[in-house]
Amino acid sequence: MAVSPTNIREASRDTPGPSGWEDVIAPVRPFLQTVSEQLAAQADTFDPEVATFARYALDNRGKQLRPALVGLAGSSVGSLGDQHVNMAIIVEMIHLATLVHDDIMDEATIRRRRPTLAAQWGNEVAVLVGDCLFAHALGLATQFDSIEISQRIATAARKVCSGEILQTLRRQRWKVSRAEYLHVIELKTAELFALACEMGGRLAQGSPQEQEALAQHGRLLGIAYQIYDDCLDLFGTEGMAGKSLGTDLATGKLTLPLLIFLERATPAESAELTGWLERWDPARFSDVRARLEGCGALAGSIAVIQNCLAEGNAHLSSIPAGPSRDALIDLSAFLAQQTAALGG
């Protein structure tokens, strides 16, 4: 699905949200506990010397957002089973592998309030651990009865890596369109969200129409989430993010707030800011943030997030009403709440 600002529906600004993440995942809490236990156990399948590194990477999961999507999507159209647990483990492991590699490329030292694997053991070990996690996840994907499911997982993993490559190729390239930016994040982030929702529905025997609706909901949620993460790197705090801030600036990534600034700035303003980015000094972080806030880049980014969430929720109209569908909508509201807290 190609996404552009013109085809994203205006969001409702007055939808009440959940009081916290635990409220969102209430319908699948036992499922997520099982996923957590079995994911941790995967480290024991590695060579004993490698298991230490694998366990460190696998213990770095946060809210288990993607496994939650597998569970909520599945339970919204049917019943959850062992295959859903396996799918959630695969999706989370692919995600964790990308984080290991991201931290190497971004030279990040903190991830979820502890040293990154690269900071702890070096880049050479970290890149190989990430490779091991990818390979292990794709090995687990062969356990499904349907070759189509295994192929879908492999395709999603390829798209995620392709998105990361495209983003890397665009570093310090300031003349990137919104369509190009959205295409990259649709691959690198939203594809895994779409996979989680689509496969959750498929493994629960949801109809093809329900699977497609869930996939589109996940894709738009993933786009919104990545834009939020881009904003968090600029307008959040390390306490909120649980990781190093300013890594996108330091590595020359063109995120939506920067793109909005460049769309609105004069040539002189654009030249000044891109000059700072090309000769990056962390002491300039507050100056860049002030420039972006001054041109309304945060507000503009929040508007796109809200619109993505609204369109994603619209796809759920074909999903049977119930606690899990409500929880998917609450998840969008939770992300909207987190977004609203930026810049404070």
C-alpha atoms as a PDB file:
ATOM      1  CA  MET A   1       0.000   0.000   0.000  1.00  0.00           C
ATOM      2  CA  ALA A   2       1.430   3.354  -1.002  1.00  0.00           C
ATOM      3  CA  VAL A   3       0.773   6.037   1.577  1.00  0.00           C
ATOM      4  CA  SER A   4       0.826   9.764   0.957  1.00  0.00           C
ATOM      5  CA  PRO A   5      -0.399  12.750   2.972  1.00  0.00           C
ATOM      6  CA  THR A   6      -3.274  13.279   0.552  1.00  0.00           C
ATOM      7  CA  ASN A   7      -4.895   9.893   1.075  1.00  0.00           C
ATOM      8  CA  ILE A   8      -4.837   9.920   4.867  1.00  0.00           C
ATOM      9  CA  ARG A   9      -8.185  10.678   6.463  1.00  0.00           C
ATOM     10  CA  GLU A  10      -8.537  13.458   9.016  1.00  0.00           C
ATOM     11  CA  ALA A  11      -8.432  12.100  12.562  1.00  0.00           C
ATOM     12  CA  SER A  12     -10.848  12.585  15.402  1.00  0.00           C
ATOM     13  CA  ARG A  13      -9.099  14.660  18.079  1.00  0.00           C
ATOM     14  CA  ASP A  14     -11.460  13.851  20.960  1.00  0.00           C
ATOM     15  CA  THR A  15     -11.353  10.043  21.295  1.00  0.00           C
ATOM     16  CA  PRO A  16     -10.688   9.098  24.935  1.00  0.00           C
ATOM     17  CA  GLY A  17      -7.667   6.866  25.417  1.00  0.00           C
ATOM     18  CA  PRO A  18      -6.703   4.068  27.804  1.00  0.00           C
ATOM     19  CA  SER A  19      -5.176   4.906  31.164  1.00  0.00           C
ATOM     20  CA  GLY A  20      -2.062   2.835  30.470  1.00  0.00           C
ATOM     21  CA  TRP A  21      -0.390   0.104  28.436  1.00  0.00           C
ATOM     22  CA  GLU A  22      -1.590  -2.632  30.784  1.00  0.00           C
ATOM     23  CA  ASP A  23      -5.185  -1.660  29.985  1.00  0.00           C
ATOM     24  CA  VAL A  24      -4.487  -1.996  26.262  1.00  0.00           C
ATOM     25  CA  ILE A  25      -3.040  -5.511  26.479  1.00  0.00           C
ATOM     26  CA  ALA A  26      -5.511  -6.835  29.060  1.00  0.00           C
ATOM     27  CA  PRO A  27      -7.265  -9.183  26.558  1.00  0.00           C
ATOM     28  CA  VAL A  28      -3.960 -10.896  25.672  1.00  0.00           C
ATOM     29  CA  ARG A  29      -1.933 -10.628  28.891  1.00  0.00           C
ATOM     30  CA  PRO A  30      -1.680 -14.435  29.444  1.00  0.00           C
ATOM     31  CA  PHE A  31      -0.744 -14.858  25.780  1.00  0.00           C
ATOM     32  CA  LEU A  32       2.065 -12.296  26.094  1.00  0.00           C
ATOM     33  CA  GLN A  33       3.356 -14.004  29.235  1.00  0.00           C
ATOM     34  CA  THR A  34       3.643 -17.264  27.296  1.00  0.00           C
ATOM     35  CA  VAL A  35       5.370 -15.475  24.420  1.00  0.00           C
ATOM     36  CA  SER A  36       7.816 -13.836  26.840  1.00  0.00           C
ATOM     37  CA  GLU A  37       8.720 -17.144  28.491  1.00  0.00           C
ATOM     38  CA  GLN A  38       9.162 -19.024  25.217  1.00  0.00           C
ATOM     39  CA  LEU A  39      11.113 -16.174  23.605  1.00  0.00           C
ATOM     40  CA  ALA A  40      13.563 -16.157  26.512  1.00  0.00           C
ATOM     41  CA  ALA A  41      13.953 -19.912  26.154  1.00  0.00           C
ATOM     42  CA  GLN A  42      15.142 -19.484  22.555  1.00  0.00           C
ATOM     43  CA  ALA A  43      18.541 -18.349  23.854  1.00  0.00           C
ATOM     44  CA  ASP A  44      19.149 -21.864  25.194  1.00  0.00           C
ATOM     45  CA  THR A  45      19.061 -23.250  21.641  1.00  0.00           C
ATOM     46  CA  PHE A  46      22.256 -21.370  20.731  1.00  0.00           C
ATOM     47  CA  ASP A  47      25.815 -22.534  21.333  1.00  0.00           C
ATOM     48  CA  PRO A  48      26.562 -21.998  25.049  1.00  0.00           C
ATOM     49  CA  GLU A  49      29.160 -19.302  24.348  1.00  0.00           C
ATOM     50  CA  VAL A  50      26.794 -17.494  21.990  1.00  0.00           C
ATOM     51  CA  ALA A  51      23.762 -17.917  24.260  1.00  0.00           C
ATOM     52  CA  THR A  52      24.986 -15.130  26.576  1.00  0.00           C
ATOM     53  CA  PHE A  53      24.805 -12.604  23.745  1.00  0.00           C
ATOM     54  CA  ALA A  54      21.522 -13.945  22.389  1.00  0.00           C
ATOM     55  CA  ARG A  55      19.957 -13.815  25.842  1.00  0.00           C
ATOM     56  CA  TYR A  56      21.095 -10.212  26.295  1.00  0.00           C
ATOM     57  CA  ALA A  57      19.477  -9.247  22.986  1.00  0.00           C
ATOM     58  CA  LEU A  58      16.274 -11.192  23.639  1.00  0.00           C
ATOM     59  CA  ASP A  59      15.923  -9.710  27.132  1.00  0.00           C
ATOM     60  CA  ASN A  60      15.865  -6.243  25.556  1.00  0.00           C
ATOM     61  CA  ARG A  61      12.197  -6.425  24.608  1.00  0.00           C
ATOM     62  CA  GLY A  62      10.031  -3.535  25.718  1.00  0.00           C
ATOM     63  CA  LYS A  63       6.245  -3.465  25.695  1.00  0.00           C
ATOM     64  CA  GLN A  64       6.064  -6.433  23.278  1.00  0.00           C
ATOM     65  CA  LEU A  65       4.074  -4.267  20.902  1.00  0.00           C
ATOM     66  CA  ARG A  66       4.383  -6.548  17.893  1.00  0.00           C
ATOM     67  CA  PRO A  67       3.485  -9.753  19.799  1.00  0.00           C
ATOM     68  CA  ALA A  68       0.534  -7.842  21.253  1.00  0.00           C
ATOM     69  CA  LEU A  69      -0.612  -7.091  17.712  1.00  0.00           C
ATOM     70  CA  VAL A  70      -0.401 -10.787  16.800  1.00  0.00           C
ATOM     71  CA  GLY A  71      -2.544 -11.669  19.819  1.00  0.00           C
ATOM     72  CA  LEU A  72      -5.070  -8.854  19.503  1.00  0.00           C
ATOM     73  CA  ALA A  73      -5.516  -9.335  15.763  1.00  0.00           C
ATOM     74  CA  GLY A  74      -5.953 -13.079  16.178  1.00  0.00           C
ATOM     75  CA  SER A  75      -8.378 -12.883  19.068  1.00  0.00           C
ATOM     76  CA  SER A  76     -10.419 -10.213  17.281  1.00  0.00           C
ATOM     77  CA  VAL A  77     -11.483 -12.741  14.615  1.00  0.00           C
ATOM     78  CA  GLY A  78     -11.029 -16.122  16.318  1.00  0.00           C
ATOM     79  CA  SER A  79      -9.108 -18.050  18.959  1.00  0.00           C
ATOM     80  CA  LEU A  80      -5.399 -17.966  19.813  1.00  0.00           C
ATOM     81  CA  GLY A  81      -3.255 -21.096  19.718  1.00  0.00           C
ATOM     82  CA  ASP A  82       0.339 -22.315  19.745  1.00  0.00           C
ATOM     83  CA  GLN A  83       0.898 -21.057  16.211  1.00  0.00           C
ATOM     84  CA  HIS A  84       0.147 -17.523  17.358  1.00  0.00           C
ATOM     85  CA  VAL A  85       2.813 -17.872  20.044  1.00  0.00           C
ATOM     86  CA  ASN A  86       5.304 -19.050  17.425  1.00  0.00           C
ATOM     87  CA  MET A  87       4.383 -16.160  15.124  1.00  0.00           C
ATOM     88  CA  ALA A  88       4.753 -13.617  17.927  1.00  0.00           C
ATOM     89  CA  ILE A  89       8.207 -15.003  18.789  1.00  0.00           C
ATOM     90  CA  ILE A  90       9.295 -14.786  15.147  1.00  0.00           C
ATOM     91  CA  VAL A  91       8.061 -11.219  14.696  1.00  0.00           C
ATOM     92  CA  GLU A  92       9.667 -10.068  17.946  1.00  0.00           C
ATOM     93  CA  MET A  93      12.953 -11.789  17.157  1.00  0.00           C
ATOM     94  CA  ILE A  94      13.158 -10.149  13.736  1.00  0.00           C
ATOM     95  CA  HIS A  95      12.453  -6.817  15.414  1.00  0.00           C
ATOM     96  CA  LEU A  96      15.131  -7.360  18.079  1.00  0.00           C
ATOM     97  CA  ALA A  97      17.645  -8.333  15.394  1.00  0.00           C
ATOM     98  CA  THR A  98      17.010  -5.023  13.627  1.00  0.00           C
ATOM     99  CA  LEU A  99      17.541  -3.141  16.894  1.00  0.00           C
ATOM    100  CA  VAL A 100      20.946  -4.775  17.371  1.00  0.00           C
ATOM    101  CA  HIS A 101      21.955  -3.696  13.877  1.00  0.00           C
ATOM    102  CA  ASP A 102      20.387  -0.227  14.245  1.00  0.00           C
ATOM    103  CA  ASP A 103      22.419   0.454  17.376  1.00  0.00           C
ATOM    104  CA  ILE A 104      25.621  -0.405  15.515  1.00  0.00           C
ATOM    105  CA  MET A 105      24.830   1.919  12.604  1.00  0.00           C
ATOM    106  CA  ASP A 106      23.629   4.719  14.895  1.00  0.00           C
ATOM    107  CA  GLU A 107      26.561   4.274  17.314  1.00  0.00           C
ATOM    108  CA  ALA A 108      23.948   4.259  20.083  1.00  0.00           C
ATOM    109  CA  THR A 109      25.198   3.369  23.550  1.00  0.00           C
ATOM    110  CA  ILE A 110      21.872   3.090  25.418  1.00  0.00           C
ATOM    111  CA  ARG A 111      18.778   1.095  24.471  1.00  0.00           C
ATOM    112  CA  ARG A 112      15.888   0.692  26.911  1.00  0.00           C
ATOM    113  CA  ARG A 113      17.927   2.110  29.767  1.00  0.00           C
ATOM    114  CA  ARG A 114      20.918  -0.216  29.512  1.00  0.00           C
ATOM    115  CA  PRO A 115      24.050  -0.468  27.338  1.00  0.00           C
ATOM    116  CA  THR A 116      23.461  -1.676  23.808  1.00  0.00           C
ATOM    117  CA  LEU A 117      24.892  -5.024  22.826  1.00  0.00           C
ATOM    118  CA  ALA A 118      27.433  -3.209  20.643  1.00  0.00           C
ATOM    119  CA  ALA A 119      28.481  -0.954  23.525  1.00  0.00           C
ATOM    120  CA  GLN A 120      28.848  -3.994  25.782  1.00  0.00           C
ATOM    121  CA  TRP A 121      30.751  -6.367  23.454  1.00  0.00           C
ATOM    122  CA  GLY A 122      31.702  -4.417  20.352  1.00  0.00           C
ATOM    123  CA  ASN A 123      30.347  -4.057  16.824  1.00  0.00           C
ATOM    124  CA  GLU A 124      31.785  -7.308  15.455  1.00  0.00           C
ATOM    125  CA  VAL A 125      30.001  -9.466  18.015  1.00  0.00           C
ATOM    126  CA  ALA A 126      26.831  -7.380  17.779  1.00  0.00           C
ATOM    127  CA  VAL A 127      26.440  -7.646  14.004  1.00  0.00           C
ATOM    128  CA  LEU A 128      26.895 -11.418  14.148  1.00  0.00           C
ATOM    129  CA  VAL A 129      24.403 -11.765  16.993  1.00  0.00           C
ATOM    130  CA  GLY A 130      21.875  -9.797  14.938  1.00  0.00           C
ATOM    131  CA  ASP A 131      22.526 -12.158  12.017  1.00  0.00           C
ATOM    132  CA  CYS A 132      21.994 -15.168  14.295  1.00  0.00           C
ATOM    133  CA  LEU A 133      18.651 -13.809  15.495  1.00  0.00           C
ATOM    134  CA  PHE A 134      17.472 -13.242  11.911  1.00  0.00           C
ATOM    135  CA  ALA A 135      18.509 -16.758  10.904  1.00  0.00           C
ATOM    136  CA  HIS A 136      16.873 -18.310  13.962  1.00  0.00           C
ATOM    137  CA  ALA A 137      13.606 -16.462  13.328  1.00  0.00           C
ATOM    138  CA  LEU A 138      13.492 -17.650   9.722  1.00  0.00           C
ATOM    139  CA  GLY A 139      14.233 -21.183  10.930  1.00  0.00           C
ATOM    140  CA  LEU A 140      11.217 -21.009  13.252  1.00  0.00           C
ATOM    141  CA  ALA A 141       9.126 -19.825  10.291  1.00  0.00           C
ATOM    142  CA  THR A 142       9.601 -23.207   8.610  1.00  0.00           C
ATOM    143  CA  GLN A 143       7.558 -24.875  11.364  1.00  0.00           C
ATOM    144  CA  PHE A 144       4.239 -23.657   9.965  1.00  0.00           C
ATOM    145  CA  ASP A 145       2.230 -26.146   7.913  1.00  0.00           C
ATOM    146  CA  SER A 146       1.694 -23.636   5.112  1.00  0.00           C
ATOM    147  CA  ILE A 147       4.637 -22.701   2.921  1.00  0.00           C
ATOM    148  CA  GLU A 148       2.769 -19.475   2.140  1.00  0.00           C
ATOM    149  CA  ILE A 149       3.101 -18.353   5.768  1.00  0.00           C
ATOM    150  CA  SER A 150       6.841 -19.071   5.756  1.00  0.00           C
ATOM    151  CA  GLN A 151       7.204 -17.156   2.501  1.00  0.00           C
ATOM    152  CA  ARG A 152       5.222 -14.217   3.875  1.00  0.00           C
ATOM    153  CA  ILE A 153       7.531 -14.000   6.893  1.00  0.00           C
ATOM    154  CA  ALA A 154      10.643 -14.170   4.705  1.00  0.00           C
ATOM    155  CA  THR A 155       9.248 -11.476   2.411  1.00  0.00           C
ATOM    156  CA  ALA A 156       8.531  -9.212   5.372  1.00  0.00           C
ATOM    157  CA  ALA A 157      12.071  -9.714   6.733  1.00  0.00           C
ATOM    158  CA  ARG A 158      13.502  -8.825   3.318  1.00  0.00           C
ATOM    159  CA  LYS A 159      11.376  -5.675   3.133  1.00  0.00           C
ATOM    160  CA  VAL A 160      12.479  -4.589   6.607  1.00  0.00           C
ATOM    161  CA  CYS A 161      16.133  -4.953   5.607  1.00  0.00           C
ATOM    162  CA  SER A 162      15.457  -3.202   2.286  1.00  0.00           C
ATOM    163  CA  GLY A 163      13.958  -0.265   4.153  1.00  0.00           C
ATOM    164  CA  GLU A 164      17.043  -0.031   6.339  1.00  0.00           C
ATOM    165  CA  ILE A 165      19.267  -0.036   3.236  1.00  0.00           C
ATOM    166  CA  LEU A 166      17.219   2.692   1.559  1.00  0.00           C
ATOM    167  CA  GLN A 167      17.356   4.805   4.715  1.00  0.00           C
ATOM    168  CA  THR A 168      21.126   4.368   4.901  1.00  0.00           C
ATOM    169  CA  LEU A 169      21.521   5.388   1.255  1.00  0.00           C
ATOM    170  CA  ARG A 170      19.552   8.571   1.954  1.00  0.00           C
ATOM    171  CA  ARG A 171      21.661   9.764   4.872  1.00  0.00           C
ATOM    172  CA  GLN A 172      22.563  13.443   4.516  1.00  0.00           C
ATOM    173  CA  ARG A 173      20.384  13.668   1.408  1.00  0.00           C
ATOM    174  CA  TRP A 174      18.133  16.599   2.135  1.00  0.00           C
ATOM    175  CA  LYS A 175      16.060  16.670  -1.050  1.00  0.00           C
ATOM    176  CA  VAL A 176      13.855  13.693  -0.258  1.00  0.00           C
ATOM    177  CA  SER A 177      10.106  13.879  -0.839  1.00  0.00           C
ATOM    178  CA  ARG A 178       7.469  12.886   1.685  1.00  0.00           C
ATOM    179  CA  ALA A 179       6.512  10.012  -0.594  1.00  0.00           C
ATOM    180  CA  GLU A 180      10.092   8.676  -0.485  1.00  0.00           C
ATOM    181  CA  TYR A 181      10.263   9.082   3.281  1.00  0.00           C
ATOM    182  CA  LEU A 182       6.940   7.279   3.782  1.00  0.00           C
ATOM    183  CA  HIS A 183       8.006   4.484   1.455  1.00  0.00           C
ATOM    184  CA  VAL A 184      11.140   3.873   3.524  1.00  0.00           C
ATOM    185  CA  ILE A 185       9.349   3.735   6.875  1.00  0.00           C
ATOM    186  CA  GLU A 186       6.573   1.615   5.391  1.00  0.00           C
ATOM    187  CA  LEU A 187       9.258  -0.969   4.608  1.00  0.00           C
ATOM    188  CA  LYS A 188      11.528  -0.691   7.643  1.00  0.00           C
ATOM    189  CA  THR A 189       8.851  -0.433  10.346  1.00  0.00           C
ATOM    190  CA  ALA A 190       5.275  -0.727   9.098  1.00  0.00           C
ATOM    191  CA  GLU A 191       5.848  -4.004   7.228  1.00  0.00           C
ATOM    192  CA  LEU A 192       6.444  -5.874  10.493  1.00  0.00           C
ATOM    193  CA  PHE A 193       3.340  -4.316  12.059  1.00  0.00           C
ATOM    194  CA  ALA A 194       1.317  -5.381   9.029  1.00  0.00           C
ATOM    195  CA  LEU A 195       2.761  -8.909   9.212  1.00  0.00           C
ATOM    196  CA  ALA A 196       1.859  -9.238  12.903  1.00  0.00           C
ATOM    197  CA  CYS A 197      -1.750  -8.199  12.326  1.00  0.00           C
ATOM    198  CA  GLU A 198      -2.268 -10.094   9.088  1.00  0.00           C
ATOM    199  CA  MET A 199      -0.788 -13.363  10.353  1.00  0.00           C
ATOM    200  CA  GLY A 200      -2.611 -13.032  13.671  1.00  0.00           C
ATOM    201  CA  GLY A 201      -5.842 -12.937  11.695  1.00  0.00           C
ATOM    202  CA  ARG A 202      -4.834 -15.703   9.301  1.00  0.00           C
ATOM    203  CA  LEU A 203      -3.800 -18.146  12.043  1.00  0.00           C
ATOM    204  CA  ALA A 204      -7.160 -17.532  13.747  1.00  0.00           C
ATOM    205  CA  GLN A 205      -8.966 -18.496  10.517  1.00  0.00           C
ATOM    206  CA  GLY A 206     -10.103 -14.965   9.781  1.00  0.00           C
ATOM    207  CA  SER A 207     -11.590 -14.361   6.347  1.00  0.00           C
ATOM    208  CA  PRO A 208      -9.356 -12.932   3.575  1.00  0.00           C
ATOM    209  CA  GLN A 209     -11.212  -9.616   3.974  1.00  0.00           C
ATOM    210  CA  GLU A 210     -10.535  -9.594   7.727  1.00  0.00           C
ATOM    211  CA  GLN A 211      -6.864 -10.452   7.191  1.00  0.00           C
ATOM    212  CA  GLU A 212      -6.511  -7.580   4.725  1.00  0.00           C
ATOM    213  CA  ALA A 213      -8.280  -5.135   7.034  1.00  0.00           C
ATOM    214  CA  LEU A 214      -6.012  -6.124   9.922  1.00  0.00           C
ATOM    215  CA  ALA A 215      -2.915  -5.844   7.713  1.00  0.00           C
ATOM    216  CA  GLN A 216      -3.856  -2.331   6.609  1.00  0.00           C
ATOM    217  CA  HIS A 217      -4.569  -1.317  10.194  1.00  0.00           C
ATOM    218  CA  GLY A 218      -1.150  -2.614  11.230  1.00  0.00           C
ATOM    219  CA  ARG A 219       0.601  -0.889   8.340  1.00  0.00           C
ATOM    220  CA  LEU A 220      -0.847   2.523   9.176  1.00  0.00           C
ATOM    221  CA  LEU A 221      -0.187   2.008  12.878  1.00  0.00           C
ATOM    222  CA  GLY A 222       3.422   1.161  12.004  1.00  0.00           C
ATOM    223  CA  ILE A 223       3.824   4.329   9.943  1.00  0.00           C
ATOM    224  CA  ALA A 224       2.391   6.386  12.808  1.00  0.00           C
ATOM    225  CA  TYR A 225       4.681   4.641  15.285  1.00  0.00           C
ATOM    226  CA  GLN A 226       7.822   5.322  13.247  1.00  0.00           C
ATOM    227  CA  ILE A 227       6.949   8.997  12.882  1.00  0.00           C
ATOM    228  CA  TYR A 228       6.384   9.107  16.650  1.00  0.00           C
ATOM    229  CA  ASP A 229       9.789   7.471  17.185  1.00  0.00           C
ATOM    230  CA  ASP A 230      11.390  10.036  14.870  1.00  0.00           C
ATOM    231  CA  CYS A 231       9.790  12.824  16.907  1.00  0.00           C
ATOM    232  CA  LEU A 232      10.815  11.184  20.175  1.00  0.00           C
ATOM    233  CA  ASP A 233      14.457  11.320  19.099  1.00  0.00           C
ATOM    234  CA  LEU A 234      14.120  15.095  18.744  1.00  0.00           C
ATOM    235  CA  PHE A 235      11.433  16.255  21.155  1.00  0.00           C
ATOM    236  CA  GLY A 236      11.451  13.607  23.887  1.00  0.00           C
ATOM    237  CA  THR A 237      13.727  12.930  26.818  1.00  0.00           C
ATOM    238  CA  GLU A 238      16.033   9.992  27.482  1.00  0.00           C
ATOM    239  CA  GLY A 239      13.692   9.077  30.324  1.00  0.00           C
ATOM    240  CA  MET A 240      10.780   8.839  27.901  1.00  0.00           C
ATOM    241  CA  ALA A 241      12.752   7.086  25.182  1.00  0.00           C
ATOM    242  CA  GLY A 242      14.902   4.786  27.272  1.00  0.00           C
ATOM    243  CA  LYS A 243      17.700   5.285  24.729  1.00  0.00           C
ATOM    244  CA  SER A 244      20.184   7.838  23.456  1.00  0.00           C
ATOM    245  CA  LEU A 245      18.586  10.896  21.833  1.00  0.00           C
ATOM    246  CA  GLY A 246      19.754  12.777  18.770  1.00  0.00           C
ATOM    247  CA  THR A 247      21.009   9.666  16.972  1.00  0.00           C
ATOM    248  CA  ASP A 248      19.014  10.521  13.841  1.00  0.00           C
ATOM    249  CA  LEU A 249      20.679  13.934  13.700  1.00  0.00           C
ATOM    250  CA  ALA A 250      24.122  12.481  14.333  1.00  0.00           C
ATOM    251  CA  THR A 251      23.730   9.943  11.515  1.00  0.00           C
ATOM    252  CA  GLY A 252      22.132  12.292   9.009  1.00  0.00           C
ATOM    253  CA  LYS A 253      18.716  10.623   8.791  1.00  0.00           C
ATOM    254  CA  LEU A 254      16.006  12.735   7.201  1.00  0.00           C
ATOM    255  CA  THR A 255      12.973  12.274   9.441  1.00  0.00           C
ATOM    256  CA  LEU A 256       9.549  13.873   9.043  1.00  0.00           C
ATOM    257  CA  PRO A 257      10.194  16.818  11.423  1.00  0.00           C
ATOM    258  CA  LEU A 258      13.322  17.725   9.449  1.00  0.00           C
ATOM    259  CA  LEU A 259      11.485  17.236   6.178  1.00  0.00           C
ATOM    260  CA  ILE A 260       8.706  19.593   7.320  1.00  0.00           C
ATOM    261  CA  PHE A 261      11.294  22.194   8.334  1.00  0.00           C
ATOM    262  CA  LEU A 262      12.967  22.006   4.923  1.00  0.00           C
ATOM    263  CA  GLU A 263       9.580  22.314   3.203  1.00  0.00           C
ATOM    264  CA  ARG A 264       8.805  25.522   5.109  1.00  0.00           C
ATOM    265  CA  ALA A 265      12.218  27.152   5.580  1.00  0.00           C
ATOM    266  CA  THR A 266      13.856  29.813   3.458  1.00  0.00           C
ATOM    267  CA  PRO A 267      16.937  28.784   1.444  1.00  0.00           C
ATOM    268  CA  ALA A 268      19.151  30.513   4.006  1.00  0.00           C
ATOM    269  CA  GLU A 269      17.476  28.717   6.935  1.00  0.00           C
ATOM    270  CA  SER A 270      17.760  25.392   5.146  1.00  0.00           C
ATOM    271  CA  ALA A 271      21.435  25.969   4.382  1.00  0.00           C
ATOM    272  CA  GLU A 272      22.168  26.860   8.004  1.00  0.00           C
ATOM    273  CA  LEU A 273      20.471  23.787   9.453  1.00  0.00           C
ATOM    274  CA  THR A 274      21.841  21.303   6.909  1.00  0.00           C
ATOM    275  CA  GLY A 275      25.285  22.769   7.495  1.00  0.00           C
ATOM    276  CA  TRP A 276      24.950  21.962  11.190  1.00  0.00           C
ATOM    277  CA  LEU A 277      23.849  18.416  10.368  1.00  0.00           C
ATOM    278  CA  GLU A 278      26.704  17.790   7.938  1.00  0.00           C
ATOM    279  CA  ARG A 279      29.245  18.907  10.563  1.00  0.00           C
ATOM    280  CA  TRP A 280      27.342  17.522  13.522  1.00  0.00           C
ATOM    281  CA  ASP A 281      28.185  18.720  17.012  1.00  0.00           C
ATOM    282  CA  PRO A 282      25.933  17.385  19.815  1.00  0.00           C
ATOM    283  CA  ALA A 283      26.052  20.859  21.368  1.00  0.00           C
ATOM    284  CA  ARG A 284      23.833  21.972  18.466  1.00  0.00           C
ATOM    285  CA  PHE A 285      20.990  19.656  19.515  1.00  0.00           C
ATOM    286  CA  SER A 286      19.027  22.350  21.344  1.00  0.00           C
ATOM    287  CA  ASP A 287      19.501  24.783  18.436  1.00  0.00           C
ATOM    288  CA  VAL A 288      18.126  22.272  15.938  1.00  0.00           C
ATOM    289  CA  ARG A 289      15.211  21.448  18.202  1.00  0.00           C
ATOM    290  CA  ALA A 290      14.393  25.141  18.600  1.00  0.00           C
ATOM    291  CA  ARG A 291      14.429  25.667  14.819  1.00  0.00           C
ATOM    292  CA  LEU A 292      12.112  22.714  14.284  1.00  0.00           C
ATOM    293  CA  GLU A 293       9.697  23.777  16.996  1.00  0.00           C
ATOM    294  CA  GLY A 294       9.694  27.311  15.640  1.00  0.00           C
ATOM    295  CA  CYS A 295       8.464  26.231  12.211  1.00  0.00           C
ATOM    296  CA  GLY A 296       5.771  23.905  13.560  1.00  0.00           C
ATOM    297  CA  ALA A 297       7.564  20.673  12.595  1.00  0.00           C
ATOM    298  CA  LEU A 298       6.366  18.854  15.716  1.00  0.00           C
ATOM    299  CA  ALA A 299       2.764  19.956  15.254  1.00  0.00           C
ATOM    300  CA  GLY A 300       2.891  18.994  11.580  1.00  0.00           C
ATOM    301  CA  SER A 301       4.292  15.560  12.417  1.00  0.00           C
ATOM    302  CA  ILE A 302       1.653  14.997  15.094  1.00  0.00           C
ATOM    303  CA  ALA A 303      -1.065  15.814  12.560  1.00  0.00           C
ATOM    304  CA  VAL A 304       0.249  13.105  10.210  1.00  0.00           C
ATOM    305  CA  ILE A 305       0.399  10.617  13.097  1.00  0.00           C
ATOM    306  CA  GLN A 306      -3.190  11.378  14.079  1.00  0.00           C
ATOM    307  CA  ASN A 307      -4.377  10.985  10.512  1.00  0.00           C
ATOM    308  CA  CYS A 308      -2.607   7.637  10.103  1.00  0.00           C
ATOM    309  CA  LEU A 309      -4.158   6.363  13.325  1.00  0.00           C
ATOM    310  CA  ALA A 310      -7.623   7.456  12.237  1.00  0.00           C
ATOM    311  CA  GLU A 311      -7.344   5.774   8.856  1.00  0.00           C
ATOM    312  CA  GLY A 312      -5.930   2.635  10.454  1.00  0.00           C
ATOM    313  CA  ASN A 313      -8.846   2.456  12.876  1.00  0.00           C
ATOM    314  CA  ALA A 314     -11.287   2.913   9.991  1.00  0.00           C
ATOM    315  CA  HIS A 315     -10.084  -0.417   8.574  1.00  0.00           C
ATOM    316  CA  LEU A 316     -11.271  -2.116  11.770  1.00  0.00           C
ATOM    317  CA  SER A 317     -14.910  -1.363  10.937  1.00  0.00           C
ATOM    318  CA  SER A 318     -15.090  -4.755   9.198  1.00  0.00           C
ATOM    319  CA  ILE A 319     -13.734  -6.611  12.257  1.00  0.00           C
ATOM    320  CA  PRO A 320     -16.304  -8.061  14.724  1.00  0.00           C
ATOM    321  CA  ALA A 321     -16.933  -5.846  17.742  1.00  0.00           C
ATOM    322  CA  GLY A 322     -15.360  -7.155  20.922  1.00  0.00           C
ATOM    323  CA  PRO A 323     -12.640  -6.613  23.551  1.00  0.00           C
ATOM    324  CA  SER A 324      -9.748  -7.322  21.173  1.00  0.00           C
ATOM    325  CA  ARG A 325     -10.955  -4.956  18.462  1.00  0.00           C
ATOM    326  CA  ASP A 326     -11.521  -2.329  21.158  1.00  0.00           C
ATOM    327  CA  ALA A 327      -7.987  -2.955  22.398  1.00  0.00           C
ATOM    328  CA  LEU A 328      -6.564  -2.361  18.904  1.00  0.00           C
ATOM    329  CA  ILE A 329      -8.365   0.989  18.857  1.00  0.00           C
ATOM    330  CA  ASP A 330      -7.112   1.703  22.394  1.00  0.00           C
ATOM    331  CA  LEU A 331      -3.584   0.952  21.226  1.00  0.00           C
ATOM    332  CA  SER A 332      -3.900   3.725  18.660  1.00  0.00           C
ATOM    333  CA  ALA A 333      -5.259   6.022  21.370  1.00  0.00           C
ATOM    334  CA  PHE A 334      -2.308   5.097  23.601  1.00  0.00           C
ATOM    335  CA  LEU A 335       0.145   6.069  20.853  1.00  0.00           C
ATOM    336  CA  ALA A 336      -1.765   9.332  20.371  1.00  0.00           C
ATOM    337  CA  GLN A 337      -1.383  10.035  24.102  1.00  0.00           C
ATOM    338  CA  GLN A 338       2.359   9.347  23.959  1.00  0.00           C
ATOM    339  CA  THR A 339       2.661  11.634  20.954  1.00  0.00           C
ATOM    340  CA  ALA A 340       0.798  14.429  22.704  1.00  0.00           C
ATOM    341  CA  ALA A 341       3.329  14.297  25.545  1.00  0.00           C
ATOM    342  CA  LEU A 342       6.224  15.217  23.228  1.00  0.00           C
ATOM    343  CA  GLY A 343       7.725  18.666  23.394  1.00  0.00           C
ATOM    344  CA  GLY A 344       6.504  19.269  26.922  1.00  0.00           C
END
